[in-house]
Amino acid sequence: MNLSEISGKEIVNLVTGERLGVIGECDLIIDETTGSILALMIPRERGFFGLKKDKSMLEVPWRSVKKIGNDMIIIEYDGVY
């Protein structure tokens, strides 16, 4: 699968039902020797009505990806946000 095929898909956490972001907004951690994806780095913007946003990153291991569909990527991640 090419990166262009997953770009733009929403990431949804199966554990919480929360929409975490879109692949186009995420960074990928890639193994330089094999070219395989190790993790997704999802930006977490938290704030109240857009004020005082915390721009921390959520690192989700690629093994947490359970299904890649036409419109979204389902992950199973129970880590702390």
C-alpha atoms as a PDB file:
ATOM      1  CA  MET A   1       0.000   0.000   0.000  1.00  0.00           C
ATOM      2  CA  ASN A   2       1.283   3.458  -0.883  1.00  0.00           C
ATOM      3  CA  LEU A   3       1.151   6.487   1.390  1.00  0.00           C
ATOM      4  CA  SER A   4      -1.069   8.227  -1.168  1.00  0.00           C
ATOM      5  CA  GLU A   5      -3.665   5.472  -0.681  1.00  0.00           C
ATOM      6  CA  ILE A   6      -4.030   6.140   3.064  1.00  0.00           C
ATOM      7  CA  SER A   7      -3.601   9.921   2.950  1.00  0.00           C
ATOM      8  CA  GLY A   8      -6.751  11.794   3.949  1.00  0.00           C
ATOM      9  CA  LYS A   9      -8.312   8.919   5.885  1.00  0.00           C
ATOM     10  CA  GLU A  10      -9.684   9.623   9.357  1.00  0.00           C
ATOM     11  CA  ILE A  11      -8.173   7.790  12.320  1.00  0.00           C
ATOM     12  CA  VAL A  12     -10.770   6.424  14.764  1.00  0.00           C
ATOM     13  CA  ASN A  13      -9.959   4.695  18.041  1.00  0.00           C
ATOM     14  CA  LEU A  14     -12.024   1.524  18.519  1.00  0.00           C
ATOM     15  CA  VAL A  15     -11.521   1.631  22.316  1.00  0.00           C
ATOM     16  CA  THR A  16     -12.877   5.148  22.907  1.00  0.00           C
ATOM     17  CA  GLY A  17     -14.789   5.846  19.684  1.00  0.00           C
ATOM     18  CA  GLU A  18     -12.853   9.098  19.394  1.00  0.00           C
ATOM     19  CA  ARG A  19     -11.805  10.638  16.091  1.00  0.00           C
ATOM     20  CA  LEU A  20      -8.077  11.264  16.483  1.00  0.00           C
ATOM     21  CA  GLY A  21      -7.238  13.046  13.261  1.00  0.00           C
ATOM     22  CA  VAL A  22      -6.467  12.567   9.605  1.00  0.00           C
ATOM     23  CA  ILE A  23      -3.449  10.763   8.152  1.00  0.00           C
ATOM     24  CA  GLY A  24      -2.469  13.876   6.176  1.00  0.00           C
ATOM     25  CA  GLU A  25      -2.043  15.762   9.481  1.00  0.00           C
ATOM     26  CA  CYS A  26       0.087  13.017  11.082  1.00  0.00           C
ATOM     27  CA  ASP A  27       3.743  12.147  10.961  1.00  0.00           C
ATOM     28  CA  LEU A  28       4.976   8.613  10.447  1.00  0.00           C
ATOM     29  CA  ILE A  29       7.914   6.928  12.143  1.00  0.00           C
ATOM     30  CA  ILE A  30       9.515   4.706   9.514  1.00  0.00           C
ATOM     31  CA  ASP A  31      12.194   2.038   9.865  1.00  0.00           C
ATOM     32  CA  GLU A  32      14.962   3.273   7.574  1.00  0.00           C
ATOM     33  CA  THR A  33      16.293  -0.188   6.823  1.00  0.00           C
ATOM     34  CA  THR A  34      13.018  -1.927   5.939  1.00  0.00           C
ATOM     35  CA  GLY A  35      10.817   1.032   4.961  1.00  0.00           C
ATOM     36  CA  SER A  36       8.011  -0.237   7.188  1.00  0.00           C
ATOM     37  CA  ILE A  37       5.881   2.070   9.325  1.00  0.00           C
ATOM     38  CA  LEU A  38       6.614   1.767  13.051  1.00  0.00           C
ATOM     39  CA  ALA A  39       4.179   4.320  14.489  1.00  0.00           C
ATOM     40  CA  LEU A  40       1.797   7.180  13.787  1.00  0.00           C
ATOM     41  CA  MET A  41       2.503  10.543  15.432  1.00  0.00           C
ATOM     42  CA  ILE A  42      -0.907  12.167  15.833  1.00  0.00           C
ATOM     43  CA  PRO A  43      -1.060  15.841  16.891  1.00  0.00           C
ATOM     44  CA  ARG A  44      -3.258  16.394  19.948  1.00  0.00           C
ATOM     45  CA  GLU A  45      -4.725  19.879  20.100  1.00  0.00           C
ATOM     46  CA  ARG A  46      -6.557  20.414  23.327  1.00  0.00           C
ATOM     47  CA  GLY A  47      -8.146  23.640  24.338  1.00  0.00           C
ATOM     48  CA  PHE A  48     -11.335  25.401  25.293  1.00  0.00           C
ATOM     49  CA  PHE A  49     -13.020  27.060  22.302  1.00  0.00           C
ATOM     50  CA  GLY A  50      -9.712  27.120  20.463  1.00  0.00           C
ATOM     51  CA  LEU A  51      -7.870  28.955  23.227  1.00  0.00           C
ATOM     52  CA  LYS A  52      -4.657  27.750  24.855  1.00  0.00           C
ATOM     53  CA  LYS A  53      -4.080  24.736  22.673  1.00  0.00           C
ATOM     54  CA  ASP A  54      -1.625  22.071  23.789  1.00  0.00           C
ATOM     55  CA  LYS A  55       0.211  20.781  20.706  1.00  0.00           C
ATOM     56  CA  SER A  56       1.476  17.509  22.126  1.00  0.00           C
ATOM     57  CA  MET A  57       1.860  14.384  20.007  1.00  0.00           C
ATOM     58  CA  LEU A  58       0.292  10.976  20.521  1.00  0.00           C
ATOM     59  CA  GLU A  59       2.527   8.096  19.381  1.00  0.00           C
ATOM     60  CA  VAL A  60       0.425   5.115  18.283  1.00  0.00           C
ATOM     61  CA  PRO A  61       2.322   1.932  17.361  1.00  0.00           C
ATOM     62  CA  TRP A  62       1.524   0.665  13.870  1.00  0.00           C
ATOM     63  CA  ARG A  63       0.563  -2.704  15.363  1.00  0.00           C
ATOM     64  CA  SER A  64      -2.466  -0.895  16.865  1.00  0.00           C
ATOM     65  CA  VAL A  65      -3.906  -0.381  13.371  1.00  0.00           C
ATOM     66  CA  LYS A  66      -6.679  -2.970  13.020  1.00  0.00           C
ATOM     67  CA  LYS A  67      -8.424  -2.047   9.768  1.00  0.00           C
ATOM     68  CA  ILE A  68      -7.857   0.318   6.851  1.00  0.00           C
ATOM     69  CA  GLY A  69     -11.149   1.045   5.114  1.00  0.00           C
ATOM     70  CA  ASN A  70     -12.216   3.316   2.263  1.00  0.00           C
ATOM     71  CA  ASP A  71     -12.734   6.363   4.489  1.00  0.00           C
ATOM     72  CA  MET A  72     -11.064   5.641   7.796  1.00  0.00           C
ATOM     73  CA  ILE A  73      -8.380   3.781   9.689  1.00  0.00           C
ATOM     74  CA  ILE A  74      -9.531   1.924  12.799  1.00  0.00           C
ATOM     75  CA  ILE A  75      -6.997   1.602  15.589  1.00  0.00           C
ATOM     76  CA  GLU A  76      -7.229  -0.178  18.915  1.00  0.00           C
ATOM     77  CA  TYR A  77      -5.255   1.959  21.348  1.00  0.00           C
ATOM     78  CA  ASP A  78      -5.838   2.124  25.075  1.00  0.00           C
ATOM     79  CA  GLY A  79      -2.794   4.230  25.940  1.00  0.00           C
ATOM     80  CA  VAL A  80      -3.008   7.519  27.784  1.00  0.00           C
ATOM     81  CA  TYR A  81      -3.716  10.558  25.626  1.00  0.00           C
END
